N, C-alpha and C. Protein backbone atom coordinates (compact mmCIF):
# COMPACT_ATOMS: atom_id res chain seq x y z
N MET A 1 -8.24 24.00 66.43
CA MET A 1 -7.28 23.88 65.36
C MET A 1 -7.49 22.58 64.60
N ARG A 2 -7.76 21.50 65.35
CA ARG A 2 -7.98 20.21 64.69
C ARG A 2 -9.23 20.25 63.81
N ARG A 3 -10.26 20.93 64.28
CA ARG A 3 -11.50 21.03 63.50
C ARG A 3 -11.26 21.75 62.18
N ALA A 4 -10.49 22.82 62.23
CA ALA A 4 -10.19 23.56 61.01
C ALA A 4 -9.41 22.69 60.04
N LEU A 5 -8.45 21.95 60.56
CA LEU A 5 -7.65 21.07 59.71
C LEU A 5 -8.53 19.97 59.10
N LEU A 6 -9.40 19.41 59.90
CA LEU A 6 -10.31 18.38 59.38
C LEU A 6 -11.28 18.96 58.35
N ALA A 7 -11.76 20.16 58.59
CA ALA A 7 -12.70 20.78 57.65
C ALA A 7 -12.02 21.07 56.32
N ILE A 8 -10.82 21.58 56.35
CA ILE A 8 -10.09 21.87 55.11
C ILE A 8 -9.76 20.58 54.37
N THR A 9 -9.32 19.55 55.10
CA THR A 9 -9.01 18.25 54.48
C THR A 9 -10.27 17.65 53.87
N GLY A 10 -11.38 17.71 54.57
CA GLY A 10 -12.63 17.17 54.04
C GLY A 10 -13.09 17.92 52.80
N LEU A 11 -12.94 19.24 52.81
CA LEU A 11 -13.30 20.05 51.64
C LEU A 11 -12.43 19.70 50.44
N ALA A 12 -11.13 19.54 50.66
CA ALA A 12 -10.22 19.20 49.57
C ALA A 12 -10.54 17.80 49.03
N ALA A 13 -10.80 16.84 49.93
CA ALA A 13 -11.13 15.48 49.49
C ALA A 13 -12.45 15.46 48.72
N GLY A 14 -13.43 16.21 49.20
CA GLY A 14 -14.72 16.25 48.52
C GLY A 14 -14.61 16.89 47.14
N THR A 15 -13.87 17.97 47.04
CA THR A 15 -13.68 18.63 45.74
C THR A 15 -12.95 17.71 44.77
N THR A 16 -11.91 17.02 45.26
CA THR A 16 -11.17 16.09 44.41
C THR A 16 -12.07 14.97 43.93
N ALA A 17 -12.90 14.44 44.82
CA ALA A 17 -13.81 13.36 44.43
C ALA A 17 -14.80 13.84 43.38
N LEU A 18 -15.32 15.04 43.53
CA LEU A 18 -16.24 15.58 42.52
C LEU A 18 -15.58 15.74 41.17
N VAL A 19 -14.36 16.25 41.17
CA VAL A 19 -13.65 16.45 39.91
C VAL A 19 -13.38 15.12 39.24
N VAL A 20 -12.95 14.13 40.00
CA VAL A 20 -12.64 12.81 39.43
C VAL A 20 -13.91 12.13 38.91
N LEU A 21 -14.97 12.17 39.70
CA LEU A 21 -16.21 11.50 39.29
C LEU A 21 -16.90 12.21 38.14
N LYS A 22 -16.87 13.50 38.16
CA LYS A 22 -17.53 14.28 37.11
C LYS A 22 -16.71 14.29 35.83
N GLY A 23 -15.41 14.32 35.95
CA GLY A 23 -14.55 14.38 34.76
C GLY A 23 -14.38 15.82 34.33
N ALA A 24 -13.52 15.98 33.35
CA ALA A 24 -13.29 17.33 32.81
C ALA A 24 -14.54 17.80 32.11
N PRO A 25 -14.82 19.11 32.13
CA PRO A 25 -16.04 19.63 31.48
C PRO A 25 -16.03 19.35 29.99
N GLY A 26 -17.13 18.80 29.51
CA GLY A 26 -17.29 18.59 28.08
C GLY A 26 -16.71 17.29 27.54
N THR A 27 -15.98 16.49 28.37
CA THR A 27 -15.39 15.27 27.82
C THR A 27 -16.44 14.24 27.50
N SER A 28 -17.49 14.15 28.30
CA SER A 28 -18.51 13.15 28.02
C SER A 28 -19.44 13.60 26.91
N GLN A 29 -19.49 14.89 26.62
CA GLN A 29 -20.38 15.39 25.58
C GLN A 29 -19.77 15.30 24.20
N ALA A 30 -18.46 15.13 24.06
CA ALA A 30 -17.81 15.18 22.76
C ALA A 30 -18.35 14.12 21.81
N ALA A 31 -18.50 12.90 22.30
CA ALA A 31 -18.98 11.84 21.43
C ALA A 31 -20.46 12.00 21.13
N GLN A 32 -21.23 12.59 22.05
CA GLN A 32 -22.65 12.73 21.82
C GLN A 32 -22.97 13.87 20.86
N ASP A 33 -22.15 14.91 20.87
CA ASP A 33 -22.43 16.06 20.02
C ASP A 33 -22.00 15.87 18.58
N ARG A 34 -21.10 14.92 18.31
CA ARG A 34 -20.59 14.72 16.96
C ARG A 34 -21.61 13.94 16.15
N PRO A 35 -22.00 14.42 14.97
CA PRO A 35 -22.93 13.67 14.14
C PRO A 35 -22.33 12.33 13.71
N VAL A 36 -23.20 11.37 13.40
CA VAL A 36 -22.76 10.03 13.02
C VAL A 36 -21.90 10.08 11.77
N ALA A 37 -22.23 10.93 10.80
CA ALA A 37 -21.51 10.97 9.53
C ALA A 37 -20.13 11.59 9.68
N GLU A 38 -19.86 12.30 10.77
CA GLU A 38 -18.58 12.95 10.95
C GLU A 38 -17.58 11.95 11.49
N ALA A 39 -16.44 11.84 10.85
CA ALA A 39 -15.42 10.89 11.27
C ALA A 39 -14.61 11.47 12.41
N PRO A 40 -14.23 10.62 13.40
CA PRO A 40 -13.38 11.12 14.47
C PRO A 40 -11.98 11.41 13.94
N VAL A 41 -11.29 12.30 14.57
CA VAL A 41 -9.96 12.68 14.11
C VAL A 41 -8.92 11.94 14.92
N VAL A 42 -7.94 11.33 14.20
CA VAL A 42 -6.85 10.61 14.83
C VAL A 42 -5.82 11.64 15.28
N PRO A 43 -5.10 11.40 16.38
CA PRO A 43 -4.16 12.39 16.86
C PRO A 43 -3.16 12.87 15.81
N GLY A 44 -2.88 12.10 14.77
CA GLY A 44 -1.96 12.53 13.73
C GLY A 44 -2.54 13.61 12.84
N GLY A 45 -3.83 13.92 12.99
CA GLY A 45 -4.44 14.97 12.21
C GLY A 45 -5.29 14.46 11.06
N SER A 46 -5.27 13.17 10.80
CA SER A 46 -6.08 12.64 9.71
C SER A 46 -7.36 12.07 10.26
N ALA A 47 -8.32 11.89 9.41
CA ALA A 47 -9.62 11.38 9.86
C ALA A 47 -9.56 9.87 9.92
N ALA A 48 -10.14 9.31 10.95
CA ALA A 48 -10.23 7.87 11.09
C ALA A 48 -11.27 7.36 10.11
N PRO A 49 -11.24 6.06 9.80
CA PRO A 49 -12.21 5.53 8.86
C PRO A 49 -13.62 5.83 9.33
N GLY A 50 -14.43 6.34 8.45
CA GLY A 50 -15.80 6.72 8.77
C GLY A 50 -16.71 5.53 8.75
N PRO A 51 -17.97 5.73 9.01
CA PRO A 51 -18.92 4.63 9.02
C PRO A 51 -19.09 4.06 7.62
N ALA A 52 -19.26 2.77 7.58
CA ALA A 52 -19.49 2.07 6.32
C ALA A 52 -20.92 2.35 5.88
N PRO A 53 -21.25 2.04 4.63
CA PRO A 53 -22.62 2.24 4.20
C PRO A 53 -23.58 1.52 5.14
N GLY A 54 -24.65 2.19 5.45
CA GLY A 54 -25.61 1.64 6.40
C GLY A 54 -25.39 2.18 7.79
N GLY A 55 -24.37 3.03 7.98
CA GLY A 55 -24.16 3.69 9.26
C GLY A 55 -23.43 2.86 10.27
N VAL A 56 -22.74 1.77 9.87
CA VAL A 56 -22.05 0.91 10.81
C VAL A 56 -20.56 1.07 10.58
N THR A 57 -19.81 1.26 11.65
CA THR A 57 -18.37 1.37 11.53
C THR A 57 -17.79 -0.03 11.42
N PRO A 58 -16.54 -0.15 10.93
CA PRO A 58 -15.96 -1.47 10.79
C PRO A 58 -15.92 -2.24 12.10
N SER A 59 -15.71 -1.56 13.23
CA SER A 59 -15.64 -2.28 14.50
C SER A 59 -17.01 -2.72 14.98
N ALA A 60 -18.08 -2.15 14.43
CA ALA A 60 -19.42 -2.51 14.88
C ALA A 60 -20.02 -3.63 14.04
N ARG A 61 -19.37 -4.01 12.94
CA ARG A 61 -19.89 -5.10 12.13
C ARG A 61 -19.64 -6.43 12.80
N PRO A 62 -20.57 -7.38 12.70
CA PRO A 62 -20.34 -8.69 13.30
C PRO A 62 -19.13 -9.35 12.63
N GLY A 63 -18.23 -9.90 13.45
CA GLY A 63 -17.08 -10.63 12.94
C GLY A 63 -15.92 -9.72 12.57
N ALA A 64 -16.07 -8.41 12.63
CA ALA A 64 -14.98 -7.52 12.28
C ALA A 64 -14.16 -7.24 13.52
N SER A 65 -12.88 -7.04 13.35
CA SER A 65 -12.04 -6.78 14.51
C SER A 65 -11.95 -5.28 14.73
N ALA A 66 -11.62 -4.90 15.97
CA ALA A 66 -11.50 -3.49 16.31
C ALA A 66 -10.11 -2.96 15.98
N LYS A 67 -9.19 -3.82 15.55
CA LYS A 67 -7.83 -3.38 15.24
C LYS A 67 -7.82 -2.70 13.88
N PRO A 68 -6.91 -1.75 13.70
CA PRO A 68 -6.79 -1.13 12.39
C PRO A 68 -6.33 -2.15 11.36
N SER A 69 -6.81 -1.99 10.14
CA SER A 69 -6.46 -2.96 9.10
C SER A 69 -5.07 -2.67 8.57
N ALA A 70 -4.55 -3.56 7.76
CA ALA A 70 -3.22 -3.41 7.17
C ALA A 70 -3.21 -2.22 6.22
N LYS A 71 -4.35 -1.94 5.57
CA LYS A 71 -4.42 -0.80 4.65
C LYS A 71 -4.20 0.50 5.39
N ALA A 72 -4.74 0.61 6.59
CA ALA A 72 -4.57 1.84 7.35
C ALA A 72 -3.11 2.03 7.72
N GLY A 73 -2.39 0.94 8.03
CA GLY A 73 -0.99 1.02 8.38
C GLY A 73 -0.12 1.26 7.17
N ALA A 74 -0.58 0.89 5.97
CA ALA A 74 0.22 1.04 4.77
C ALA A 74 0.41 2.49 4.39
N SER A 75 -0.44 3.38 4.88
CA SER A 75 -0.30 4.78 4.53
C SER A 75 0.74 5.49 5.39
N ARG A 76 1.32 4.79 6.37
CA ARG A 76 2.35 5.40 7.21
C ARG A 76 3.64 5.58 6.42
N ALA A 77 4.41 6.52 6.85
CA ALA A 77 5.72 6.71 6.23
C ALA A 77 6.63 5.58 6.65
N PRO A 78 7.51 5.09 5.77
CA PRO A 78 8.41 3.99 6.14
C PRO A 78 9.29 4.40 7.32
N GLY A 79 9.52 3.47 8.18
CA GLY A 79 10.42 3.71 9.30
C GLY A 79 9.73 4.28 10.53
N THR A 80 8.40 4.51 10.49
CA THR A 80 7.70 5.03 11.67
C THR A 80 7.04 3.88 12.39
N ARG A 81 6.89 4.02 13.67
CA ARG A 81 6.27 2.98 14.48
C ARG A 81 4.91 3.46 14.96
N THR A 82 4.06 2.50 15.21
CA THR A 82 2.77 2.81 15.79
C THR A 82 2.84 2.43 17.25
N SER A 83 2.61 3.37 18.12
CA SER A 83 2.63 3.05 19.54
C SER A 83 1.20 2.85 20.02
N ALA A 84 1.07 2.32 21.19
CA ALA A 84 -0.25 2.05 21.75
C ALA A 84 -1.03 3.34 22.01
N THR A 85 -0.32 4.44 22.20
CA THR A 85 -1.02 5.69 22.50
C THR A 85 -1.59 6.33 21.25
N THR A 86 -1.12 5.97 20.06
CA THR A 86 -1.65 6.60 18.86
C THR A 86 -2.73 5.78 18.19
N ARG A 87 -2.99 4.57 18.66
CA ARG A 87 -4.06 3.76 18.08
C ARG A 87 -5.41 4.29 18.54
N VAL A 88 -6.31 4.42 17.63
CA VAL A 88 -7.64 4.90 17.94
C VAL A 88 -8.64 3.90 17.41
N THR A 89 -9.52 3.45 18.25
CA THR A 89 -10.59 2.58 17.78
C THR A 89 -11.82 3.43 17.60
N THR A 90 -12.54 3.16 16.56
CA THR A 90 -13.74 3.93 16.30
C THR A 90 -14.95 3.15 16.78
N ARG A 91 -15.95 3.89 17.16
CA ARG A 91 -17.20 3.26 17.55
C ARG A 91 -18.34 4.06 16.95
N ALA A 92 -19.44 3.40 16.78
CA ALA A 92 -20.60 4.07 16.20
C ALA A 92 -21.22 4.97 17.26
N THR A 93 -21.43 6.20 16.91
CA THR A 93 -22.12 7.11 17.82
C THR A 93 -23.47 7.43 17.21
N THR A 94 -24.46 7.32 18.03
CA THR A 94 -25.80 7.64 17.56
C THR A 94 -26.24 8.90 18.27
N ALA A 95 -26.17 9.98 17.58
CA ALA A 95 -26.61 11.25 18.14
C ALA A 95 -28.10 11.39 17.86
N ALA A 96 -28.83 11.67 18.91
CA ALA A 96 -30.28 11.86 18.74
C ALA A 96 -30.50 13.13 17.92
N PRO A 97 -31.43 13.09 17.00
CA PRO A 97 -31.68 14.30 16.21
C PRO A 97 -32.20 15.41 17.12
N ARG A 98 -31.66 16.58 16.94
CA ARG A 98 -32.07 17.71 17.76
C ARG A 98 -33.17 18.47 17.03
N THR A 99 -34.28 18.53 17.67
CA THR A 99 -35.38 19.29 17.07
C THR A 99 -35.60 20.52 17.91
N THR A 100 -35.57 21.64 17.26
CA THR A 100 -35.84 22.88 17.96
C THR A 100 -37.04 23.54 17.31
N THR A 101 -37.92 23.96 18.14
CA THR A 101 -39.08 24.67 17.60
C THR A 101 -38.94 26.11 18.03
N SER A 102 -38.96 26.99 17.08
CA SER A 102 -38.86 28.41 17.42
C SER A 102 -40.23 28.90 17.86
N ALA A 103 -40.19 29.88 18.71
CA ALA A 103 -41.43 30.45 19.20
C ALA A 103 -42.17 31.11 18.02
N PRO A 104 -43.47 31.03 18.02
CA PRO A 104 -44.20 31.65 16.93
C PRO A 104 -43.94 33.15 16.92
N LYS A 105 -43.88 33.70 15.72
CA LYS A 105 -43.64 35.13 15.57
C LYS A 105 -44.87 35.89 16.05
N VAL A 106 -44.65 36.76 17.02
CA VAL A 106 -45.74 37.57 17.56
C VAL A 106 -45.74 38.88 16.79
N THR A 107 -46.89 39.20 16.24
CA THR A 107 -46.99 40.44 15.48
C THR A 107 -47.50 41.55 16.38
N THR A 108 -46.92 42.70 16.21
CA THR A 108 -47.36 43.88 16.94
C THR A 108 -48.12 44.77 15.97
N ARG A 109 -49.30 45.14 16.36
CA ARG A 109 -50.12 45.98 15.48
C ARG A 109 -50.80 47.07 16.30
N THR A 110 -51.19 48.11 15.61
CA THR A 110 -51.85 49.25 16.25
C THR A 110 -53.26 49.38 15.69
N VAL A 111 -54.22 49.55 16.59
CA VAL A 111 -55.62 49.72 16.21
C VAL A 111 -56.12 51.02 16.84
N THR A 112 -56.78 51.83 16.02
CA THR A 112 -57.30 53.11 16.51
C THR A 112 -58.82 53.07 16.51
N GLY A 113 -59.39 53.46 17.62
CA GLY A 113 -60.84 53.52 17.74
C GLY A 113 -61.39 54.77 17.06
N PRO A 114 -62.71 54.86 16.94
CA PRO A 114 -63.32 56.03 16.28
C PRO A 114 -63.24 57.27 17.18
N VAL A 115 -63.42 58.42 16.55
CA VAL A 115 -63.48 59.67 17.30
C VAL A 115 -64.84 59.72 17.99
N VAL A 116 -64.80 59.94 19.31
CA VAL A 116 -66.04 60.01 20.09
C VAL A 116 -66.19 61.44 20.60
N SER A 117 -67.32 62.07 20.27
CA SER A 117 -67.58 63.43 20.74
C SER A 117 -68.31 63.36 22.08
N TYR A 118 -67.94 64.26 22.99
CA TYR A 118 -68.58 64.31 24.29
C TYR A 118 -68.69 65.77 24.71
N ARG A 119 -69.17 66.04 25.88
CA ARG A 119 -69.51 67.39 26.33
C ARG A 119 -68.35 68.39 26.23
N TYR A 120 -67.10 67.94 26.46
CA TYR A 120 -65.97 68.86 26.50
C TYR A 120 -65.08 68.80 25.26
N GLY A 121 -65.46 68.07 24.26
CA GLY A 121 -64.65 67.97 23.04
C GLY A 121 -64.79 66.60 22.39
N SER A 122 -63.74 66.10 21.86
CA SER A 122 -63.76 64.78 21.24
C SER A 122 -62.40 64.11 21.46
N LEU A 123 -62.40 62.79 21.40
CA LEU A 123 -61.16 62.03 21.56
C LEU A 123 -61.28 60.70 20.85
N GLN A 124 -60.16 60.06 20.66
CA GLN A 124 -60.14 58.70 20.17
C GLN A 124 -58.99 57.98 20.86
N VAL A 125 -59.08 56.66 20.89
CA VAL A 125 -58.09 55.84 21.60
C VAL A 125 -57.34 54.97 20.60
N ARG A 126 -56.03 54.92 20.76
CA ARG A 126 -55.19 54.03 19.94
C ARG A 126 -54.55 53.01 20.88
N ILE A 127 -54.68 51.71 20.53
CA ILE A 127 -54.08 50.64 21.33
C ILE A 127 -53.04 49.91 20.49
N THR A 128 -52.02 49.41 21.16
CA THR A 128 -51.00 48.59 20.52
C THR A 128 -51.13 47.19 21.08
N LEU A 129 -51.24 46.23 20.18
CA LEU A 129 -51.41 44.83 20.57
C LEU A 129 -50.19 44.02 20.16
N SER A 130 -49.78 43.12 21.01
CA SER A 130 -48.75 42.14 20.70
C SER A 130 -49.43 40.79 20.75
N GLY A 131 -49.70 40.23 19.57
CA GLY A 131 -50.55 39.05 19.51
C GLY A 131 -51.97 39.49 19.82
N SER A 132 -52.56 38.92 20.87
CA SER A 132 -53.90 39.35 21.27
C SER A 132 -53.86 40.14 22.58
N ARG A 133 -52.68 40.47 23.05
CA ARG A 133 -52.51 41.16 24.32
C ARG A 133 -52.28 42.66 24.10
N ILE A 134 -52.98 43.51 24.86
CA ILE A 134 -52.79 44.95 24.79
C ILE A 134 -51.51 45.29 25.55
N VAL A 135 -50.59 45.99 24.87
CA VAL A 135 -49.33 46.37 25.51
C VAL A 135 -49.21 47.88 25.72
N ASP A 136 -50.07 48.66 25.05
CA ASP A 136 -50.02 50.11 25.23
C ASP A 136 -51.36 50.71 24.79
N ALA A 137 -51.71 51.83 25.38
CA ALA A 137 -52.93 52.55 25.00
C ALA A 137 -52.68 54.03 25.20
N THR A 138 -53.30 54.82 24.35
CA THR A 138 -53.17 56.28 24.49
C THR A 138 -54.40 56.97 23.92
N GLY A 139 -54.76 58.08 24.53
CA GLY A 139 -55.87 58.89 24.05
C GLY A 139 -55.34 59.95 23.09
N LEU A 140 -56.02 60.14 21.97
CA LEU A 140 -55.60 61.11 20.95
C LEU A 140 -56.64 62.21 20.83
N GLY A 141 -56.19 63.44 20.55
CA GLY A 141 -57.09 64.56 20.30
C GLY A 141 -57.86 65.02 21.50
N MET A 142 -57.36 64.75 22.68
CA MET A 142 -58.06 65.17 23.89
C MET A 142 -57.85 66.65 24.13
N PRO A 143 -58.82 67.34 24.74
CA PRO A 143 -58.68 68.77 25.03
C PRO A 143 -57.45 69.02 25.90
N LEU A 144 -56.78 70.16 25.66
CA LEU A 144 -55.56 70.47 26.39
C LEU A 144 -55.70 71.67 27.33
N ASP A 145 -56.68 72.54 27.09
CA ASP A 145 -56.77 73.79 27.84
C ASP A 145 -57.84 73.74 28.93
N GLY A 146 -57.64 74.53 29.97
CA GLY A 146 -58.63 74.74 31.01
C GLY A 146 -58.96 73.50 31.81
N GLN A 147 -60.20 73.49 32.33
CA GLN A 147 -60.69 72.36 33.12
C GLN A 147 -60.71 71.08 32.29
N SER A 148 -61.08 71.20 31.02
CA SER A 148 -61.13 70.02 30.15
C SER A 148 -59.75 69.40 30.00
N GLY A 149 -58.73 70.24 29.92
CA GLY A 149 -57.36 69.74 29.82
C GLY A 149 -56.93 69.00 31.07
N LEU A 150 -57.35 69.51 32.24
CA LEU A 150 -57.04 68.83 33.49
C LEU A 150 -57.72 67.47 33.58
N ARG A 151 -58.99 67.44 33.15
CA ARG A 151 -59.72 66.16 33.14
C ARG A 151 -59.04 65.17 32.18
N SER A 152 -58.63 65.67 31.03
CA SER A 152 -57.96 64.82 30.04
C SER A 152 -56.66 64.26 30.61
N ASP A 153 -55.92 65.10 31.32
CA ASP A 153 -54.68 64.66 31.93
C ASP A 153 -54.92 63.55 32.96
N ASP A 154 -55.98 63.73 33.76
CA ASP A 154 -56.31 62.71 34.76
C ASP A 154 -56.65 61.38 34.11
N VAL A 155 -57.45 61.44 33.03
CA VAL A 155 -57.84 60.22 32.33
C VAL A 155 -56.62 59.55 31.68
N GLN A 156 -55.78 60.37 31.03
CA GLN A 156 -54.57 59.83 30.40
C GLN A 156 -53.67 59.15 31.44
N ALA A 157 -53.50 59.81 32.59
CA ALA A 157 -52.63 59.27 33.63
C ALA A 157 -53.15 57.94 34.16
N ARG A 158 -54.46 57.80 34.27
CA ARG A 158 -55.03 56.56 34.83
C ARG A 158 -55.09 55.44 33.81
N TYR A 159 -55.52 55.74 32.57
CA TYR A 159 -55.80 54.70 31.59
C TYR A 159 -54.62 54.39 30.66
N SER A 160 -53.92 55.41 30.20
CA SER A 160 -52.98 55.25 29.10
C SER A 160 -51.61 54.77 29.56
N GLY A 161 -50.79 54.40 28.56
CA GLY A 161 -49.42 53.97 28.82
C GLY A 161 -49.33 52.46 28.97
N SER A 162 -48.10 52.00 29.04
CA SER A 162 -47.87 50.56 29.15
C SER A 162 -48.14 50.04 30.56
N SER A 163 -48.28 50.93 31.52
CA SER A 163 -48.60 50.49 32.88
C SER A 163 -49.96 51.02 33.33
N GLY A 164 -50.76 51.48 32.40
CA GLY A 164 -52.08 52.02 32.73
C GLY A 164 -53.11 50.94 32.98
N GLU A 165 -54.30 51.39 33.31
CA GLU A 165 -55.39 50.48 33.66
C GLU A 165 -55.85 49.64 32.46
N VAL A 166 -55.74 50.18 31.25
CA VAL A 166 -56.14 49.43 30.05
C VAL A 166 -55.27 48.18 29.90
N VAL A 167 -53.97 48.34 30.05
CA VAL A 167 -53.04 47.21 29.93
C VAL A 167 -53.25 46.24 31.09
N ALA A 168 -53.47 46.78 32.27
CA ALA A 168 -53.66 45.92 33.44
C ALA A 168 -54.93 45.08 33.34
N LYS A 169 -56.03 45.67 32.87
CA LYS A 169 -57.31 44.94 32.82
C LYS A 169 -57.55 44.24 31.50
N GLN A 170 -56.84 44.63 30.43
CA GLN A 170 -56.99 44.01 29.11
C GLN A 170 -58.43 44.06 28.60
N SER A 171 -59.13 45.12 28.95
CA SER A 171 -60.51 45.29 28.49
C SER A 171 -60.91 46.76 28.60
N ALA A 172 -62.13 47.05 28.19
CA ALA A 172 -62.65 48.41 28.31
C ALA A 172 -63.46 48.58 29.59
N ASN A 173 -63.46 47.58 30.45
CA ASN A 173 -64.18 47.64 31.71
C ASN A 173 -63.29 48.35 32.74
N LEU A 174 -63.22 49.67 32.63
CA LEU A 174 -62.32 50.49 33.44
C LEU A 174 -63.09 51.22 34.52
N ASN A 175 -62.40 51.57 35.59
CA ASN A 175 -63.00 52.40 36.63
C ASN A 175 -63.08 53.84 36.12
N THR A 176 -64.18 54.51 36.42
CA THR A 176 -64.37 55.89 36.00
C THR A 176 -63.49 56.80 36.84
N VAL A 177 -62.82 57.75 36.16
CA VAL A 177 -61.96 58.70 36.86
C VAL A 177 -62.86 59.74 37.54
N SER A 178 -62.68 59.93 38.83
CA SER A 178 -63.48 60.88 39.60
C SER A 178 -63.28 62.29 39.08
N GLY A 179 -64.37 62.99 38.81
CA GLY A 179 -64.31 64.35 38.32
C GLY A 179 -64.15 64.44 36.81
N ALA A 180 -64.07 63.29 36.13
CA ALA A 180 -63.91 63.30 34.67
C ALA A 180 -64.79 62.21 34.06
N THR A 181 -66.06 62.20 34.48
CA THR A 181 -66.99 61.15 34.05
C THR A 181 -67.21 61.16 32.55
N TYR A 182 -67.44 62.33 31.94
CA TYR A 182 -67.70 62.39 30.50
C TYR A 182 -66.47 61.96 29.70
N THR A 183 -65.31 62.42 30.13
CA THR A 183 -64.07 62.05 29.42
C THR A 183 -63.80 60.56 29.57
N SER A 184 -64.02 60.02 30.76
CA SER A 184 -63.82 58.58 30.99
C SER A 184 -64.76 57.75 30.12
N THR A 185 -66.03 58.17 30.05
CA THR A 185 -67.01 57.44 29.26
C THR A 185 -66.65 57.46 27.78
N ALA A 186 -66.23 58.63 27.27
CA ALA A 186 -65.84 58.72 25.87
C ALA A 186 -64.60 57.85 25.59
N TYR A 187 -63.64 57.86 26.50
CA TYR A 187 -62.43 57.05 26.36
C TYR A 187 -62.80 55.56 26.27
N LYS A 188 -63.67 55.12 27.19
CA LYS A 188 -64.08 53.71 27.21
C LYS A 188 -64.82 53.32 25.93
N GLN A 189 -65.66 54.23 25.39
CA GLN A 189 -66.40 53.93 24.15
C GLN A 189 -65.44 53.75 22.97
N SER A 190 -64.48 54.66 22.84
CA SER A 190 -63.52 54.54 21.73
C SER A 190 -62.63 53.30 21.92
N LEU A 191 -62.25 53.03 23.16
CA LEU A 191 -61.44 51.84 23.45
C LEU A 191 -62.19 50.57 23.10
N GLN A 192 -63.47 50.48 23.48
CA GLN A 192 -64.26 49.29 23.17
C GLN A 192 -64.38 49.07 21.66
N ALA A 193 -64.55 50.15 20.91
CA ALA A 193 -64.64 50.04 19.45
C ALA A 193 -63.30 49.57 18.88
N ALA A 194 -62.18 50.05 19.43
CA ALA A 194 -60.87 49.60 18.96
C ALA A 194 -60.66 48.13 19.27
N LEU A 195 -61.11 47.68 20.43
CA LEU A 195 -61.00 46.26 20.79
C LEU A 195 -61.86 45.40 19.88
N ASP A 196 -63.03 45.92 19.52
CA ASP A 196 -63.91 45.17 18.61
C ASP A 196 -63.27 45.03 17.23
N LYS A 197 -62.53 46.06 16.79
CA LYS A 197 -61.83 46.00 15.49
C LYS A 197 -60.67 45.01 15.51
N ALA A 198 -60.00 44.95 16.67
CA ALA A 198 -58.81 44.09 16.79
C ALA A 198 -59.25 42.66 16.82
């Protein structure tokens, strides 16, 4: 029982210490995120005196006092008091310029290889490139019927698509599909010509 009580007390003390040391979220970032030209806002809703020419606030000038001037107090309505909680001193904030570089625009383009005739028909290969990387490949005009159609299906299944061997190897140096040597060779020839064009 004592261990549980000590563990809970230690957890509460540790959490409290973290909250106190860290501060409320975003309180330390407020002064850093505000541009130098932007004047801080006084609790009354009006803007505090902004930076003087040259980017220096009145309190940052040598010999200047941090107290508000008589002119600032003259704009108050008669009969109102200034309490210590409503006084705001301004300080110069130097926000580092934020430079963001956007990623270069990657162009997606499609390149089609020539029609290659082979023993069972003819085919051509179309590849899609994103930048210089192959992201998709497909065989066009391949035979669909009979044994030739089966061979074409085998070649398409192995080479084509976004997860095919063409995308994986990023070249025309592909493994020959067993039982579809002529179709594989024609596919590789058209693919190599498309890569040469790209």
